[in-house]
Amino acid sequence: MGVVIIDGSTVRAFVGDEAEFRKNVDRRFKELDLNDDGILSRSELRKAFESIRLLETDFGVDVATPPEERTRLYDSIFERFDLDKSGTVDLEESIIIALKRY
C-alpha cells in the first residue's frame, strides 16, 4: 500500500478550480446515488461507508466494532451531511460539506 502526501497548495488549487471541483463532486455523488434519484439516502451512504470499510479498518488492521455502534456512527456522519434535516443528502449539501473540508 502506498502513501500519497498532498500539501495545502495542491488542495487549494483543486478546490479553486470550481469547474473541476464540481465535476469531481458530481461524479462521486452519481457513484453513490445507487438508485439514480438525485439524492442520497441513509442506506446509500451506509453502503458507501461499508464498501470502503470506514469503521472496520485502522491502518490495515481489522477493528471489531459492534453493529449497534457502527449504526450510531454511520447515523451521526449522515446527520452531518444532511444539512437541511430532510432525511436525504442532495448534491448541493454534498458540495457544501466538501468545501467545508477544505
PDB file of N, CA and C in Angstrom:
ATOM      1  N   MET A   1       0.851  -1.177   0.000  1.00  0.00           N
ATOM      2  CA  MET A   1       0.000   0.000   0.000  1.00  0.00           C
ATOM      3  C   MET A   1       0.890   1.230   0.000  1.00  0.00           C
ATOM      4  N   GLY A   2       0.624   2.170  -0.904  1.00  0.00           N
ATOM      5  CA  GLY A   2       1.395   3.402  -0.988  1.00  0.00           C
ATOM      6  C   GLY A   2       0.725   4.526  -0.229  1.00  0.00           C
ATOM      7  N   VAL A   3       1.508   5.498   0.112  1.00  0.00           N
ATOM      8  CA  VAL A   3       1.007   6.677   0.803  1.00  0.00           C
ATOM      9  C   VAL A   3       1.263   7.880  -0.083  1.00  0.00           C
ATOM     10  N   VAL A   4       0.228   8.693  -0.252  1.00  0.00           N
ATOM     11  CA  VAL A   4       0.355   9.906  -1.040  1.00  0.00           C
ATOM     12  C   VAL A   4       0.199  11.088  -0.100  1.00  0.00           C
ATOM     13  N   ILE A   5       1.132  12.011  -0.165  1.00  0.00           N
ATOM     14  CA  ILE A   5       1.065  13.210   0.660  1.00  0.00           C
ATOM     15  C   ILE A   5       0.719  14.383  -0.244  1.00  0.00           C
ATOM     16  N   ILE A   6      -0.337  15.084   0.133  1.00  0.00           N
ATOM     17  CA  ILE A   6      -0.790  16.233  -0.650  1.00  0.00           C
ATOM     18  C   ILE A   6      -0.677  17.456   0.242  1.00  0.00           C
ATOM     19  N   ASP A   7       0.026  18.461  -0.241  1.00  0.00           N
ATOM     20  CA  ASP A   7       0.161  19.663   0.579  1.00  0.00           C
ATOM     21  C   ASP A   7      -1.024  20.603   0.349  1.00  0.00           C
ATOM     22  N   GLY A   8      -1.111  21.613   1.192  1.00  0.00           N
ATOM     23  CA  GLY A   8      -2.236  22.544   1.146  1.00  0.00           C
ATOM     24  C   GLY A   8      -2.389  23.263  -0.177  1.00  0.00           C
ATOM     25  N   SER A   9      -1.291  23.577  -0.847  1.00  0.00           N
ATOM     26  CA  SER A   9      -1.399  24.298  -2.116  1.00  0.00           C
ATOM     27  C   SER A   9      -2.061  23.438  -3.186  1.00  0.00           C
ATOM     28  N   THR A  10      -1.821  22.137  -3.155  1.00  0.00           N
ATOM     29  CA  THR A  10      -2.466  21.236  -4.115  1.00  0.00           C
ATOM     30  C   THR A  10      -3.972  21.205  -3.879  1.00  0.00           C
ATOM     31  N   VAL A  11      -4.359  21.103  -2.624  1.00  0.00           N
ATOM     32  CA  VAL A  11      -5.784  21.066  -2.279  1.00  0.00           C
ATOM     33  C   VAL A  11      -6.449  22.388  -2.642  1.00  0.00           C
ATOM     34  N   ARG A  12      -5.808  23.517  -2.304  1.00  0.00           N
ATOM     35  CA  ARG A  12      -6.382  24.826  -2.630  1.00  0.00           C
ATOM     36  C   ARG A  12      -6.532  25.011  -4.138  1.00  0.00           C
ATOM     37  N   ALA A  13      -5.570  24.553  -4.902  1.00  0.00           N
ATOM     38  CA  ALA A  13      -5.650  24.665  -6.364  1.00  0.00           C
ATOM     39  C   ALA A  13      -6.815  23.835  -6.893  1.00  0.00           C
ATOM     40  N   PHE A  14      -6.990  22.634  -6.355  1.00  0.00           N
ATOM     41  CA  PHE A  14      -8.090  21.771  -6.789  1.00  0.00           C
ATOM     42  C   PHE A  14      -9.436  22.411  -6.473  1.00  0.00           C
ATOM     43  N   VAL A  15      -9.610  22.877  -5.240  1.00  0.00           N
ATOM     44  CA  VAL A  15     -10.867  23.499  -4.839  1.00  0.00           C
ATOM     45  C   VAL A  15     -11.061  24.821  -5.569  1.00  0.00           C
ATOM     46  N   GLY A  16      -9.973  25.532  -5.845  1.00  0.00           N
ATOM     47  CA  GLY A  16     -10.051  26.819  -6.532  1.00  0.00           C
ATOM     48  C   GLY A  16     -10.502  26.702  -7.975  1.00  0.00           C
ATOM     49  N   ASP A  17     -10.273  25.545  -8.590  1.00  0.00           N
ATOM     50  CA  ASP A  17     -10.745  25.307  -9.953  1.00  0.00           C
ATOM     51  C   ASP A  17     -12.185  24.811  -9.846  1.00  0.00           C
ATOM     52  N   GLU A  18     -13.117  25.754  -9.763  1.00  0.00           N
ATOM     53  CA  GLU A  18     -14.511  25.436  -9.465  1.00  0.00           C
ATOM     54  C   GLU A  18     -15.103  24.407 -10.416  1.00  0.00           C
ATOM     55  N   ALA A  19     -14.831  24.525 -11.702  1.00  0.00           N
ATOM     56  CA  ALA A  19     -15.397  23.583 -12.678  1.00  0.00           C
ATOM     57  C   ALA A  19     -14.881  22.169 -12.429  1.00  0.00           C
ATOM     58  N   GLU A  20     -13.593  22.033 -12.207  1.00  0.00           N
ATOM     59  CA  GLU A  20     -13.007  20.706 -11.968  1.00  0.00           C
ATOM     60  C   GLU A  20     -13.479  20.127 -10.636  1.00  0.00           C
ATOM     61  N   PHE A  21     -13.542  20.974  -9.613  1.00  0.00           N
ATOM     62  CA  PHE A  21     -14.003  20.529  -8.303  1.00  0.00           C
ATOM     63  C   PHE A  21     -15.430  20.019  -8.391  1.00  0.00           C
ATOM     64  N   ARG A  22     -16.311  20.813  -9.013  1.00  0.00           N
ATOM     65  CA  ARG A  22     -17.721  20.428  -9.133  1.00  0.00           C
ATOM     66  C   ARG A  22     -17.865  19.151  -9.949  1.00  0.00           C
ATOM     67  N   LYS A  23     -17.076  19.019 -11.005  1.00  0.00           N
ATOM     68  CA  LYS A  23     -17.128  17.812 -11.835  1.00  0.00           C
ATOM     69  C   LYS A  23     -16.794  16.570 -11.002  1.00  0.00           C
ATOM     70  N   ASN A  24     -15.788  16.681 -10.149  1.00  0.00           N
ATOM     71  CA  ASN A  24     -15.414  15.554  -9.300  1.00  0.00           C
ATOM     72  C   ASN A  24     -16.466  15.244  -8.246  1.00  0.00           C
ATOM     73  N   VAL A  25     -17.041  16.267  -7.638  1.00  0.00           N
ATOM     74  CA  VAL A  25     -18.102  16.043  -6.658  1.00  0.00           C
ATOM     75  C   VAL A  25     -19.313  15.418  -7.351  1.00  0.00           C
ATOM     76  N   ASP A  26     -19.674  15.934  -8.530  1.00  0.00           N
ATOM     77  CA  ASP A  26     -20.797  15.365  -9.288  1.00  0.00           C
ATOM     78  C   ASP A  26     -20.565  13.888  -9.587  1.00  0.00           C
ATOM     79  N   ARG A  27     -19.368  13.543 -10.011  1.00  0.00           N
ATOM     80  CA  ARG A  27     -19.045  12.159 -10.362  1.00  0.00           C
ATOM     81  C   ARG A  27     -19.176  11.249  -9.145  1.00  0.00           C
ATOM     82  N   ARG A  28     -18.605  11.676  -8.027  1.00  0.00           N
ATOM     83  CA  ARG A  28     -18.691  10.847  -6.810  1.00  0.00           C
ATOM     84  C   ARG A  28     -20.126  10.726  -6.329  1.00  0.00           C
ATOM     85  N   PHE A  29     -20.877  11.827  -6.417  1.00  0.00           N
ATOM     86  CA  PHE A  29     -22.277  11.793  -5.987  1.00  0.00           C
ATOM     87  C   PHE A  29     -23.046  10.773  -6.814  1.00  0.00           C
ATOM     88  N   LYS A  30     -22.859  10.792  -8.127  1.00  0.00           N
ATOM     89  CA  LYS A  30     -23.562   9.841  -9.003  1.00  0.00           C
ATOM     90  C   LYS A  30     -23.166   8.404  -8.701  1.00  0.00           C
ATOM     91  N   GLU A  31     -21.916   8.173  -8.342  1.00  0.00           N
ATOM     92  CA  GLU A  31     -21.481   6.826  -7.974  1.00  0.00           C
ATOM     93  C   GLU A  31     -22.185   6.347  -6.703  1.00  0.00           C
ATOM     94  N   LEU A  32     -22.415   7.257  -5.779  1.00  0.00           N
ATOM     95  CA  LEU A  32     -23.058   6.902  -4.512  1.00  0.00           C
ATOM     96  C   LEU A  32     -24.575   6.790  -4.633  1.00  0.00           C
ATOM     97  N   ASP A  33     -25.173   7.493  -5.583  1.00  0.00           N
ATOM     98  CA  ASP A  33     -26.625   7.523  -5.777  1.00  0.00           C
ATOM     99  C   ASP A  33     -27.042   6.251  -6.530  1.00  0.00           C
ATOM    100  N   LEU A  34     -27.172   5.163  -5.793  1.00  0.00           N
ATOM    101  CA  LEU A  34     -27.378   3.847  -6.396  1.00  0.00           C
ATOM    102  C   LEU A  34     -28.668   3.723  -7.189  1.00  0.00           C
ATOM    103  N   ASN A  35     -29.730   4.404  -6.764  1.00  0.00           N
ATOM    104  CA  ASN A  35     -30.991   4.310  -7.499  1.00  0.00           C
ATOM    105  C   ASN A  35     -31.218   5.493  -8.446  1.00  0.00           C
ATOM    106  N   ASP A  36     -30.207   6.338  -8.587  1.00  0.00           N
ATOM    107  CA  ASP A  36     -30.223   7.441  -9.559  1.00  0.00           C
ATOM    108  C   ASP A  36     -31.422   8.378  -9.404  1.00  0.00           C
ATOM    109  N   ASP A  37     -31.776   8.672  -8.128  1.00  0.00           N
ATOM    110  CA  ASP A  37     -32.904   9.572  -7.903  1.00  0.00           C
ATOM    111  C   ASP A  37     -32.473  10.999  -7.566  1.00  0.00           C
ATOM    112  N   GLY A  38     -31.171  11.263  -7.599  1.00  0.00           N
ATOM    113  CA  GLY A  38     -30.679  12.612  -7.368  1.00  0.00           C
ATOM    114  C   GLY A  38     -30.475  12.975  -5.911  1.00  0.00           C
ATOM    115  N   ILE A  39     -30.721  12.027  -5.005  1.00  0.00           N
ATOM    116  CA  ILE A  39     -30.484  12.246  -3.587  1.00  0.00           C
ATOM    117  C   ILE A  39     -29.824  11.000  -2.996  1.00  0.00           C
ATOM    118  N   LEU A  40     -29.118  11.202  -1.901  1.00  0.00           N
ATOM    119  CA  LEU A  40     -28.500  10.083  -1.208  1.00  0.00           C
ATOM    120  C   LEU A  40     -29.301   9.770   0.041  1.00  0.00           C
ATOM    121  N   SER A  41     -29.695   8.532   0.151  1.00  0.00           N
ATOM    122  CA  SER A  41     -30.415   8.094   1.343  1.00  0.00           C
ATOM    123  C   SER A  41     -29.415   7.634   2.392  1.00  0.00           C
ATOM    124  N   ARG A  42     -29.912   7.432   3.577  1.00  0.00           N
ATOM    125  CA  ARG A  42     -29.080   6.918   4.664  1.00  0.00           C
ATOM    126  C   ARG A  42     -28.470   5.572   4.263  1.00  0.00           C
ATOM    127  N   SER A  43     -29.259   4.713   3.621  1.00  0.00           N
ATOM    128  CA  SER A  43     -28.745   3.389   3.250  1.00  0.00           C
ATOM    129  C   SER A  43     -27.700   3.474   2.142  1.00  0.00           C
ATOM    130  N   GLU A  44     -27.843   4.414   1.199  1.00  0.00           N
ATOM    131  CA  GLU A  44     -26.839   4.579   0.144  1.00  0.00           C
ATOM    132  C   GLU A  44     -25.498   5.026   0.728  1.00  0.00           C
ATOM    133  N   LEU A  45     -25.553   5.971   1.660  1.00  0.00           N
ATOM    134  CA  LEU A  45     -24.302   6.405   2.282  1.00  0.00           C
ATOM    135  C   LEU A  45     -23.706   5.302   3.146  1.00  0.00           C
ATOM    136  N   ARG A  46     -24.543   4.559   3.815  1.00  0.00           N
ATOM    137  CA  ARG A  46     -24.024   3.456   4.635  1.00  0.00           C
ATOM    138  C   ARG A  46     -23.325   2.418   3.758  1.00  0.00           C
ATOM    139  N   LYS A  47     -23.926   2.091   2.617  1.00  0.00           N
ATOM    140  CA  LYS A  47     -23.296   1.136   1.699  1.00  0.00           C
ATOM    141  C   LYS A  47     -21.930   1.650   1.251  1.00  0.00           C
ATOM    142  N   ALA A  48     -21.837   2.952   0.997  1.00  0.00           N
ATOM    143  CA  ALA A  48     -20.550   3.539   0.590  1.00  0.00           C
ATOM    144  C   ALA A  48     -19.534   3.414   1.721  1.00  0.00           C
ATOM    145  N   PHE A  49     -19.952   3.734   2.945  1.00  0.00           N
ATOM    146  CA  PHE A  49     -19.053   3.625   4.093  1.00  0.00           C
ATOM    147  C   PHE A  49     -18.593   2.178   4.273  1.00  0.00           C
ATOM    148  N   GLU A  50     -19.533   1.250   4.144  1.00  0.00           N
ATOM    149  CA  GLU A  50     -19.184  -0.162   4.315  1.00  0.00           C
ATOM    150  C   GLU A  50     -18.265  -0.646   3.192  1.00  0.00           C
ATOM    151  N   SER A  51     -18.461  -0.134   1.980  1.00  0.00           N
ATOM    152  CA  SER A  51     -17.627  -0.589   0.858  1.00  0.00           C
ATOM    153  C   SER A  51     -16.171  -0.162   1.029  1.00  0.00           C
ATOM    154  N   ILE A  52     -15.953   0.966   1.704  1.00  0.00           N
ATOM    155  CA  ILE A  52     -14.565   1.381   1.946  1.00  0.00           C
ATOM    156  C   ILE A  52     -14.105   0.958   3.337  1.00  0.00           C
ATOM    157  N   ARG A  53     -14.987   0.198   4.025  1.00  0.00           N
ATOM    158  CA  ARG A  53     -14.673  -0.311   5.365  1.00  0.00           C
ATOM    159  C   ARG A  53     -14.251   0.835   6.286  1.00  0.00           C
ATOM    160  N   LEU A  54     -15.036   1.891   6.257  1.00  0.00           N
ATOM    161  CA  LEU A  54     -14.739   3.114   7.002  1.00  0.00           C
ATOM    162  C   LEU A  54     -14.439   2.850   8.471  1.00  0.00           C
ATOM    163  N   LEU A  55     -15.228   1.998   9.100  1.00  0.00           N
ATOM    164  CA  LEU A  55     -15.039   1.763  10.530  1.00  0.00           C
ATOM    165  C   LEU A  55     -14.361   0.441  10.847  1.00  0.00           C
ATOM    166  N   GLU A  56     -14.210  -0.424   9.866  1.00  0.00           N
ATOM    167  CA  GLU A  56     -13.700  -1.758  10.145  1.00  0.00           C
ATOM    168  C   GLU A  56     -12.187  -1.869  10.073  1.00  0.00           C
ATOM    169  N   THR A  57     -11.520  -0.867   9.526  1.00  0.00           N
ATOM    170  CA  THR A  57     -10.068  -0.964   9.435  1.00  0.00           C
ATOM    171  C   THR A  57      -9.419   0.276  10.028  1.00  0.00           C
ATOM    172  N   ASP A  58      -8.246   0.070  10.521  1.00  0.00           N
ATOM    173  CA  ASP A  58      -7.440   1.155  11.059  1.00  0.00           C
ATOM    174  C   ASP A  58      -6.011   0.888  10.619  1.00  0.00           C
ATOM    175  N   PHE A  59      -5.591   1.562   9.564  1.00  0.00           N
ATOM    176  CA  PHE A  59      -4.257   1.367   9.004  1.00  0.00           C
ATOM    177  C   PHE A  59      -4.014  -0.100   8.631  1.00  0.00           C
ATOM    178  N   GLY A  60      -5.037  -0.703   8.008  1.00  0.00           N
ATOM    179  CA  GLY A  60      -4.878  -2.068   7.521  1.00  0.00           C
ATOM    180  C   GLY A  60      -5.136  -3.144   8.558  1.00  0.00           C
ATOM    181  N   VAL A  61      -5.471  -2.776   9.783  1.00  0.00           N
ATOM    182  CA  VAL A  61      -5.735  -3.751  10.842  1.00  0.00           C
ATOM    183  C   VAL A  61      -7.235  -3.772  11.105  1.00  0.00           C
ATOM    184  N   ASP A  62      -7.843  -4.949  11.032  1.00  0.00           N
ATOM    185  CA  ASP A  62      -9.277  -5.045  11.302  1.00  0.00           C
ATOM    186  C   ASP A  62      -9.576  -4.656  12.742  1.00  0.00           C
ATOM    187  N   VAL A  63     -10.648  -3.910  12.903  1.00  0.00           N
ATOM    188  CA  VAL A  63     -11.100  -3.463  14.212  1.00  0.00           C
ATOM    189  C   VAL A  63     -12.514  -3.997  14.408  1.00  0.00           C
ATOM    190  N   ALA A  64     -12.759  -4.639  15.507  1.00  0.00           N
ATOM    191  CA  ALA A  64     -14.094  -5.168  15.793  1.00  0.00           C
ATOM    192  C   ALA A  64     -14.957  -4.054  16.355  1.00  0.00           C
ATOM    193  N   THR A  65     -15.992  -3.686  15.604  1.00  0.00           N
ATOM    194  CA  THR A  65     -16.917  -2.648  16.049  1.00  0.00           C
ATOM    195  C   THR A  65     -18.302  -3.277  16.129  1.00  0.00           C
ATOM    196  N   PRO A  66     -18.927  -3.280  17.303  1.00  0.00           N
ATOM    197  CA  PRO A  66     -20.265  -3.874  17.428  1.00  0.00           C
ATOM    198  C   PRO A  66     -21.248  -3.224  16.451  1.00  0.00           C
ATOM    199  N   PRO A  67     -22.161  -4.010  15.883  1.00  0.00           N
ATOM    200  CA  PRO A  67     -23.104  -3.478  14.883  1.00  0.00           C
ATOM    201  C   PRO A  67     -23.877  -2.249  15.345  1.00  0.00           C
ATOM    202  N   GLU A  68     -24.324  -2.231  16.595  1.00  0.00           N
ATOM    203  CA  GLU A  68     -25.100  -1.082  17.078  1.00  0.00           C
ATOM    204  C   GLU A  68     -24.237   0.178  17.151  1.00  0.00           C
ATOM    205  N   GLU A  69     -22.964   0.013  17.473  1.00  0.00           N
ATOM    206  CA  GLU A  69     -22.055   1.167  17.492  1.00  0.00           C
ATOM    207  C   GLU A  69     -21.795   1.662  16.073  1.00  0.00           C
ATOM    208  N   ARG A  70     -21.633   0.734  15.121  1.00  0.00           N
ATOM    209  CA  ARG A  70     -21.459   1.129  13.716  1.00  0.00           C
ATOM    210  C   ARG A  70     -22.657   1.933  13.241  1.00  0.00           C
ATOM    211  N   THR A  71     -23.854   1.447  13.572  1.00  0.00           N
ATOM    212  CA  THR A  71     -25.070   2.155  13.161  1.00  0.00           C
ATOM    213  C   THR A  71     -25.099   3.559  13.739  1.00  0.00           C
ATOM    214  N   ARG A  72     -24.777   3.710  15.012  1.00  0.00           N
ATOM    215  CA  ARG A  72     -24.750   5.051  15.626  1.00  0.00           C
ATOM    216  C   ARG A  72     -23.739   5.960  14.936  1.00  0.00           C
ATOM    217  N   LEU A  73     -22.567   5.424  14.652  1.00  0.00           N
ATOM    218  CA  LEU A  73     -21.534   6.229  13.997  1.00  0.00           C
ATOM    219  C   LEU A  73     -21.939   6.613  12.584  1.00  0.00           C
ATOM    220  N   TYR A  74     -22.449   5.646  11.808  1.00  0.00           N
ATOM    221  CA  TYR A  74     -22.893   5.948  10.448  1.00  0.00           C
ATOM    222  C   TYR A  74     -24.021   6.981  10.465  1.00  0.00           C
ATOM    223  N   ASP A  75     -24.954   6.833  11.411  1.00  0.00           N
ATOM    224  CA  ASP A  75     -26.055   7.796  11.508  1.00  0.00           C
ATOM    225  C   ASP A  75     -25.543   9.195  11.840  1.00  0.00           C
ATOM    226  N   SER A  76     -24.559   9.288  12.727  1.00  0.00           N
ATOM    227  CA  SER A  76     -24.042  10.610  13.087  1.00  0.00           C
ATOM    228  C   SER A  76     -23.328  11.253  11.897  1.00  0.00           C
ATOM    229  N   ILE A  77     -22.636  10.454  11.092  1.00  0.00           N
ATOM    230  CA  ILE A  77     -21.995  11.000   9.887  1.00  0.00           C
ATOM    231  C   ILE A  77     -23.059  11.470   8.906  1.00  0.00           C
ATOM    232  N   PHE A  78     -24.092  10.653   8.703  1.00  0.00           N
ATOM    233  CA  PHE A  78     -25.172  11.036   7.794  1.00  0.00           C
ATOM    234  C   PHE A  78     -25.799  12.357   8.230  1.00  0.00           C
ATOM    235  N   GLU A  79     -26.045  12.506   9.501  1.00  0.00           N
ATOM    236  CA  GLU A  79     -26.674  13.727  10.015  1.00  0.00           C
ATOM    237  C   GLU A  79     -25.814  14.962   9.761  1.00  0.00           C
ATOM    238  N   ARG A  80     -24.514  14.809   9.744  1.00  0.00           N
ATOM    239  CA  ARG A  80     -23.636  15.948   9.426  1.00  0.00           C
ATOM    240  C   ARG A  80     -23.757  16.350   7.962  1.00  0.00           C
ATOM    241  N   PHE A  81     -24.030  15.379   7.088  1.00  0.00           N
ATOM    242  CA  PHE A  81     -24.212  15.673   5.663  1.00  0.00           C
ATOM    243  C   PHE A  81     -25.602  16.226   5.380  1.00  0.00           C
ATOM    244  N   ASP A  82     -26.594  15.797   6.122  1.00  0.00           N
ATOM    245  CA  ASP A  82     -27.985  16.201   5.904  1.00  0.00           C
ATOM    246  C   ASP A  82     -28.220  17.572   6.532  1.00  0.00           C
ATOM    247  N   LEU A  83     -27.721  18.600   5.871  1.00  0.00           N
ATOM    248  CA  LEU A  83     -27.742  19.956   6.435  1.00  0.00           C
ATOM    249  C   LEU A  83     -29.142  20.494   6.682  1.00  0.00           C
ATOM    250  N   ASP A  84     -30.090  20.165   5.791  1.00  0.00           N
ATOM    251  CA  ASP A  84     -31.441  20.691   5.950  1.00  0.00           C
ATOM    252  C   ASP A  84     -32.354  19.745   6.733  1.00  0.00           C
ATOM    253  N   LYS A  85     -31.788  18.661   7.258  1.00  0.00           N
ATOM    254  CA  LYS A  85     -32.517  17.686   8.085  1.00  0.00           C
ATOM    255  C   LYS A  85     -33.724  17.101   7.364  1.00  0.00           C
ATOM    256  N   SER A  86     -33.577  16.872   6.052  1.00  0.00           N
ATOM    257  CA  SER A  86     -34.672  16.323   5.246  1.00  0.00           C
ATOM    258  C   SER A  86     -34.698  14.800   5.256  1.00  0.00           C
ATOM    259  N   GLY A  87     -33.654  14.175   5.778  1.00  0.00           N
ATOM    260  CA  GLY A  87     -33.575  12.720   5.758  1.00  0.00           C
ATOM    261  C   GLY A  87     -32.869  12.192   4.525  1.00  0.00           C
ATOM    262  N   THR A  88     -32.404  13.106   3.667  1.00  0.00           N
ATOM    263  CA  THR A  88     -31.630  12.749   2.475  1.00  0.00           C
ATOM    264  C   THR A  88     -30.526  13.781   2.294  1.00  0.00           C
ATOM    265  N   VAL A  89     -29.578  13.455   1.431  1.00  0.00           N
ATOM    266  CA  VAL A  89     -28.498  14.388   1.105  1.00  0.00           C
ATOM    267  C   VAL A  89     -28.549  14.633  -0.392  1.00  0.00           C
ATOM    268  N   ASP A  90     -28.691  15.914  -0.758  1.00  0.00           N
ATOM    269  CA  ASP A  90     -28.695  16.233  -2.187  1.00  0.00           C
ATOM    270  C   ASP A  90     -27.305  16.704  -2.616  1.00  0.00           C
ATOM    271  N   LEU A  91     -27.158  16.939  -3.897  1.00  0.00           N
ATOM    272  CA  LEU A  91     -25.857  17.304  -4.445  1.00  0.00           C
ATOM    273  C   LEU A  91     -25.320  18.592  -3.823  1.00  0.00           C
ATOM    274  N   GLU A  92     -26.171  19.588  -3.637  1.00  0.00           N
ATOM    275  CA  GLU A  92     -25.709  20.859  -3.065  1.00  0.00           C
ATOM    276  C   GLU A  92     -25.196  20.676  -1.641  1.00  0.00           C
ATOM    277  N   GLU A  93     -25.860  19.836  -0.852  1.00  0.00           N
ATOM    278  CA  GLU A  93     -25.367  19.572   0.506  1.00  0.00           C
ATOM    279  C   GLU A  93     -23.995  18.910   0.450  1.00  0.00           C
ATOM    280  N   SER A  94     -23.815  18.000  -0.491  1.00  0.00           N
ATOM    281  CA  SER A  94     -22.518  17.316  -0.579  1.00  0.00           C
ATOM    282  C   SER A  94     -21.413  18.279  -1.001  1.00  0.00           C
ATOM    283  N   ILE A  95     -21.735  19.246  -1.847  1.00  0.00           N
ATOM    284  CA  ILE A  95     -20.744  20.246  -2.259  1.00  0.00           C
ATOM    285  C   ILE A  95     -20.376  21.133  -1.074  1.00  0.00           C
ATOM    286  N   ILE A  96     -21.380  21.554  -0.315  1.00  0.00           N
ATOM    287  CA  ILE A  96     -21.115  22.397   0.856  1.00  0.00           C
ATOM    288  C   ILE A  96     -20.222  21.662   1.848  1.00  0.00           C
ATOM    289  N   ILE A  97     -20.511  20.406   2.106  1.00  0.00           N
ATOM    290  CA  ILE A  97     -19.702  19.611   3.036  1.00  0.00           C
ATOM    291  C   ILE A  97     -18.289  19.474   2.486  1.00  0.00           C
ATOM    292  N   ALA A  98     -18.168  19.186   1.203  1.00  0.00           N
ATOM    293  CA  ALA A  98     -16.832  19.033   0.602  1.00  0.00           C
ATOM    294  C   ALA A  98     -16.036  20.325   0.724  1.00  0.00           C
ATOM    295  N   LEU A  99     -16.672  21.455   0.489  1.00  0.00           N
ATOM    296  CA  LEU A  99     -15.971  22.739   0.593  1.00  0.00           C
ATOM    297  C   LEU A  99     -15.559  23.039   2.027  1.00  0.00           C
ATOM    298  N   LYS A 100     -16.382  22.656   2.994  1.00  0.00           N
ATOM    299  CA  LYS A 100     -16.043  22.884   4.399  1.00  0.00           C
ATOM    300  C   LYS A 100     -14.794  22.110   4.798  1.00  0.00           C
ATOM    301  N   ARG A 101     -14.578  20.966   4.166  1.00  0.00           N
ATOM    302  CA  ARG A 101     -13.407  20.155   4.487  1.00  0.00           C
ATOM    303  C   ARG A 101     -12.126  20.857   4.075  1.00  0.00           C
ATOM    304  N   TYR A 102     -12.202  21.737   3.075  1.00  0.00           N
ATOM    305  CA  TYR A 102     -11.004  22.381   2.550  1.00  0.00           C
ATOM    306  C   TYR A 102     -11.015  23.842   2.877  1.00  0.00           C
TER     307      TYR A 102
END
